Amino acid sequence: MVFLKQLLKYLITRTYRPVLVKYLSKTRTYVYKNITLVIPKEVFHPGFFFSTKLLLRYVSFQHLNQKTLLELGAGSGLISIYAARKGSRVTASDINPVAIAFLEKNSQCNGVHFRILHSDLFDQIPLQAYDVMVINPPYYKKKPVSYADYAWFCGENGEYFERLFKGLKDYMHANSVVLMVLCEGCDLEMVHRFAQENGFRLDCLYQKQNILEKNFIFKIKFA
């Protein structure tokens, strides 16, 4: 059974990935939950990967009206736009300047306004405790060499997660809801270790297996 699963994953990856790479080499329009996004090739596309939509599902369970919400690594803006439509006071950040430009464009096209910050994690985000924080991090251990790479690679030793948990407490209050999506391809043991070293724990709220991988929704809480 395990062999068949691995074989199926291999075959799908070999046939699906080249087609997807070619499709995503151009700017595309994507519509989800009545939100229209223009997504350039340099920005993570939420339509072809499960993480963003799974995270959005759990964001939708929260009481968002009049809540402050920070989305770290907002990409094309799907979650931030959804939250703004629900009445949240949203701050959306990204390290990728192309993503920042399209966050501006997509927010305007969808009739919402929120604060957009070009920031490497918390570097350019003014100190404020948020009611809700949403994180779709880079999963894989490799040094990013382009802005687009920052959507995928967390550094050779997981430096992204080390910095995330070191800075996180300054942006939380006692009742903050912090949601993060991860997949089994991520070094989960490493992420838990960085969390524990900085006084946090990760509670798994949900896990979902698809053909290619298993995804997890974690709630980050003070230990």
Protein backbone atom coordinates (compact mmCIF):
# COMPACT_ATOMS: atom_id res chain seq x y z
CA MET A 1 0.00 0.00 0.00
CA VAL A 2 2.82 2.40 0.88
CA PHE A 3 4.63 1.50 -2.33
CA LEU A 4 1.52 2.18 -4.42
CA LYS A 5 1.04 5.53 -2.72
CA GLN A 6 4.65 6.49 -3.40
CA LEU A 7 4.38 5.35 -7.00
CA LEU A 8 1.19 7.36 -7.53
CA LYS A 9 2.80 10.43 -5.99
CA TYR A 10 5.84 10.02 -8.24
CA LEU A 11 3.74 9.66 -11.39
CA ILE A 12 1.53 12.65 -10.56
CA THR A 13 4.55 14.79 -9.73
CA ARG A 14 6.33 13.88 -12.96
CA THR A 15 3.28 14.63 -15.14
CA TYR A 16 1.57 17.44 -13.20
CA ARG A 17 4.53 19.60 -12.23
CA PRO A 18 5.84 20.46 -15.75
CA VAL A 19 2.35 21.48 -16.88
CA LEU A 20 1.86 23.57 -13.73
CA VAL A 21 5.25 25.28 -14.07
CA LYS A 22 4.44 26.23 -17.66
CA TYR A 23 0.98 27.53 -16.72
CA LEU A 24 2.33 29.62 -13.83
CA SER A 25 5.06 31.20 -15.97
CA LYS A 26 2.57 33.93 -16.92
CA THR A 27 0.37 36.30 -14.94
CA ARG A 28 -2.97 34.61 -14.27
CA THR A 29 -6.39 35.58 -12.93
CA TYR A 30 -7.89 33.43 -10.19
CA VAL A 31 -11.35 33.64 -8.60
CA TYR A 32 -12.23 32.05 -5.25
CA LYS A 33 -15.11 32.85 -2.88
CA ASN A 34 -16.07 35.83 -5.06
CA ILE A 35 -12.55 37.25 -4.72
CA THR A 36 -10.72 37.98 -7.97
CA LEU A 37 -6.93 37.93 -7.87
CA VAL A 38 -4.32 38.83 -10.45
CA ILE A 39 -1.29 36.65 -9.72
CA PRO A 40 2.10 37.14 -11.44
CA LYS A 41 4.62 34.36 -11.85
CA GLU A 42 6.74 35.68 -8.97
CA VAL A 43 3.94 35.22 -6.41
CA PHE A 44 2.61 32.02 -4.83
CA HIS A 45 -0.61 30.90 -6.53
CA PRO A 46 -3.23 29.78 -3.95
CA GLY A 47 -5.33 27.92 -6.49
CA PHE A 48 -2.91 25.08 -7.18
CA PHE A 49 -1.74 24.34 -3.66
CA PHE A 50 -3.87 23.30 -0.69
CA SER A 51 -2.29 25.36 2.09
CA THR A 52 -3.85 28.78 1.53
CA LYS A 53 -7.41 27.52 1.08
CA LEU A 54 -7.10 25.23 4.09
CA LEU A 55 -5.83 28.12 6.20
CA LEU A 56 -8.62 30.36 4.90
CA ARG A 57 -11.15 27.78 6.04
CA TYR A 58 -9.93 28.10 9.61
CA VAL A 59 -9.73 31.87 9.40
CA SER A 60 -13.40 31.83 8.38
CA PHE A 61 -14.26 30.10 11.67
CA GLN A 62 -13.02 33.13 13.63
CA HIS A 63 -15.05 36.15 14.67
CA LEU A 64 -13.42 38.70 12.37
CA ASN A 65 -15.59 41.81 12.55
CA GLN A 66 -13.66 44.71 14.10
CA LYS A 67 -10.74 42.42 14.96
CA THR A 68 -7.16 43.31 14.14
CA LEU A 69 -5.58 40.74 11.83
CA LEU A 70 -2.00 40.34 10.63
CA GLU A 71 -1.19 38.11 7.68
CA LEU A 72 2.52 37.36 7.43
CA GLY A 73 3.52 36.54 3.87
CA ALA A 74 0.21 37.55 2.34
CA GLY A 75 1.21 36.79 -1.26
CA SER A 76 -1.63 37.63 -3.64
CA GLY A 77 -3.90 38.63 -0.76
CA LEU A 78 -6.68 36.01 -0.74
CA ILE A 79 -6.91 35.70 3.06
CA SER A 80 -6.38 39.40 3.76
CA ILE A 81 -9.09 40.41 1.29
CA TYR A 82 -11.49 37.85 2.76
CA ALA A 83 -10.84 39.10 6.30
CA ALA A 84 -11.21 42.75 5.27
CA ARG A 85 -14.58 41.96 3.70
CA LYS A 86 -15.62 40.42 7.02
CA GLY A 87 -14.81 43.65 8.83
CA SER A 88 -11.29 42.98 10.11
CA ARG A 89 -8.73 45.74 10.41
CA VAL A 90 -6.09 44.00 8.33
CA THR A 91 -2.34 44.39 8.05
CA ALA A 92 -0.81 42.33 5.21
CA SER A 93 2.93 41.94 4.82
CA ASP A 94 5.31 40.25 2.40
CA ILE A 95 9.05 40.23 1.73
CA ASN A 96 8.47 40.09 -2.04
CA PRO A 97 8.09 43.56 -3.62
CA VAL A 98 6.15 42.06 -6.54
CA ALA A 99 3.66 40.63 -4.07
CA ILE A 100 3.35 44.05 -2.43
CA ALA A 101 2.50 45.67 -5.77
CA PHE A 102 -0.16 43.07 -6.52
CA LEU A 103 -1.55 43.22 -2.99
CA GLU A 104 -2.25 46.88 -3.68
CA LYS A 105 -3.82 46.07 -7.03
CA ASN A 106 -5.90 43.14 -5.78
CA SER A 107 -7.21 44.98 -2.73
CA GLN A 108 -8.38 47.87 -4.92
CA CYS A 109 -9.97 45.55 -7.51
CA ASN A 110 -11.93 43.81 -4.75
CA GLY A 111 -13.11 47.04 -3.14
CA VAL A 112 -11.29 46.75 0.19
CA HIS A 113 -8.58 48.77 1.87
CA PHE A 114 -6.02 47.61 4.40
CA ARG A 115 -2.47 48.34 5.50
CA ILE A 116 0.16 46.72 3.26
CA LEU A 117 3.77 46.53 4.45
CA HIS A 118 6.92 45.40 2.66
CA SER A 119 8.57 43.49 5.49
CA ASP A 120 10.85 40.55 6.17
CA LEU A 121 8.81 38.88 8.91
CA PHE A 122 8.35 41.51 11.66
CA ASP A 123 11.17 43.87 10.62
CA GLN A 124 8.96 46.68 9.27
CA ILE A 125 5.77 45.96 11.23
CA PRO A 126 5.11 48.48 14.02
CA LEU A 127 4.67 46.94 17.45
CA GLN A 128 1.04 46.03 18.03
CA ALA A 129 -0.73 43.06 19.60
CA TYR A 130 -3.09 41.50 17.03
CA ASP A 131 -6.31 39.63 17.72
CA VAL A 132 -5.70 37.20 14.85
CA MET A 133 -2.48 36.27 13.09
CA VAL A 134 -2.30 34.11 9.95
CA ILE A 135 0.89 32.42 8.75
CA ASN A 136 1.47 30.34 5.62
CA PRO A 137 5.25 29.94 5.93
CA PRO A 138 7.91 28.64 3.56
CA TYR A 139 8.30 24.92 4.25
CA TYR A 140 11.52 23.63 2.75
CA LYS A 141 15.10 23.81 4.03
CA LYS A 142 17.07 25.67 1.41
CA LYS A 143 18.51 29.16 1.15
CA PRO A 144 16.24 31.44 -0.91
CA VAL A 145 18.10 33.24 -3.68
CA SER A 146 15.23 35.23 -5.22
CA TYR A 147 12.18 36.98 -3.84
CA ALA A 148 9.96 34.26 -5.30
CA ASP A 149 12.00 31.66 -3.40
CA TYR A 150 10.93 33.16 -0.07
CA ALA A 151 7.48 31.61 -0.58
CA TRP A 152 9.05 28.14 -0.55
CA PHE A 153 12.36 28.05 1.34
CA CYS A 154 12.89 28.74 5.04
CA GLY A 155 16.71 28.75 4.98
CA GLU A 156 19.18 25.90 5.22
CA ASN A 157 18.66 25.62 8.98
CA GLY A 158 15.08 26.86 9.23
CA GLU A 159 16.10 30.44 9.95
CA TYR A 160 12.63 31.67 9.03
CA PHE A 161 11.05 29.73 11.89
CA GLU A 162 13.79 30.71 14.33
CA ARG A 163 13.12 34.40 13.64
CA LEU A 164 9.34 33.91 13.57
CA PHE A 165 9.16 32.52 17.09
CA LYS A 166 11.70 34.99 18.46
CA GLY A 167 9.58 37.93 17.33
CA LEU A 168 6.08 36.53 17.71
CA LYS A 169 5.41 37.35 21.38
CA ASP A 170 5.73 41.09 20.74
CA TYR A 171 2.69 40.95 18.44
CA MET A 172 0.39 38.85 20.62
CA HIS A 173 -1.83 39.42 23.64
CA ALA A 174 -3.21 36.77 25.99
CA ASN A 175 -6.20 35.99 23.74
CA SER A 176 -4.57 36.23 20.31
CA VAL A 177 -5.47 33.50 17.83
CA VAL A 178 -2.41 32.55 15.78
CA LEU A 179 -3.00 30.06 12.97
CA MET A 180 -0.26 28.46 10.89
CA VAL A 181 -0.45 25.86 8.12
CA LEU A 182 2.34 23.32 7.61
CA CYS A 183 2.78 20.14 5.58
CA GLU A 184 4.56 16.85 6.17
CA GLY A 185 7.36 17.96 3.84
CA CYS A 186 8.35 20.53 6.45
CA ASP A 187 10.73 19.65 9.30
CA LEU A 188 7.96 19.55 11.90
CA GLU A 189 10.31 18.51 14.69
CA MET A 190 12.45 21.58 14.04
CA VAL A 191 9.42 23.90 14.02
CA HIS A 192 8.20 22.49 17.35
CA ARG A 193 11.68 22.91 18.80
CA PHE A 194 11.95 26.58 17.82
CA ALA A 195 8.47 27.15 19.26
CA GLN A 196 9.34 25.52 22.59
CA GLU A 197 12.63 27.40 22.86
CA ASN A 198 10.70 30.67 22.68
CA GLY A 199 7.88 29.78 25.07
CA PHE A 200 5.23 28.53 22.62
CA ARG A 201 3.46 25.29 21.84
CA LEU A 202 1.76 24.17 18.64
CA ASP A 203 -1.67 22.55 18.98
CA CYS A 204 -2.78 20.65 15.87
CA LEU A 205 -6.37 21.63 15.07
CA TYR A 206 -6.76 19.67 11.85
CA GLN A 207 -4.93 17.49 9.36
CA LYS A 208 -5.90 16.58 5.84
CA GLN A 209 -4.30 14.07 3.50
CA ASN A 210 -4.39 14.61 -0.24
CA ILE A 211 -2.73 12.62 -2.99
CA LEU A 212 0.59 14.42 -2.72
CA GLU A 213 0.95 15.35 0.95
CA LYS A 214 -0.60 15.80 4.37
CA ASN A 215 -1.37 19.33 5.57
CA PHE A 216 -1.81 20.51 9.16
CA ILE A 217 -3.42 23.52 10.77
CA PHE A 218 -1.70 24.53 14.00
CA LYS A 219 -2.74 27.02 16.64
CA ILE A 220 0.28 28.69 18.23
CA LYS A 221 -0.20 29.34 21.95
CA PHE A 222 1.88 30.51 24.86
CA ALA A 223 3.30 27.44 26.61
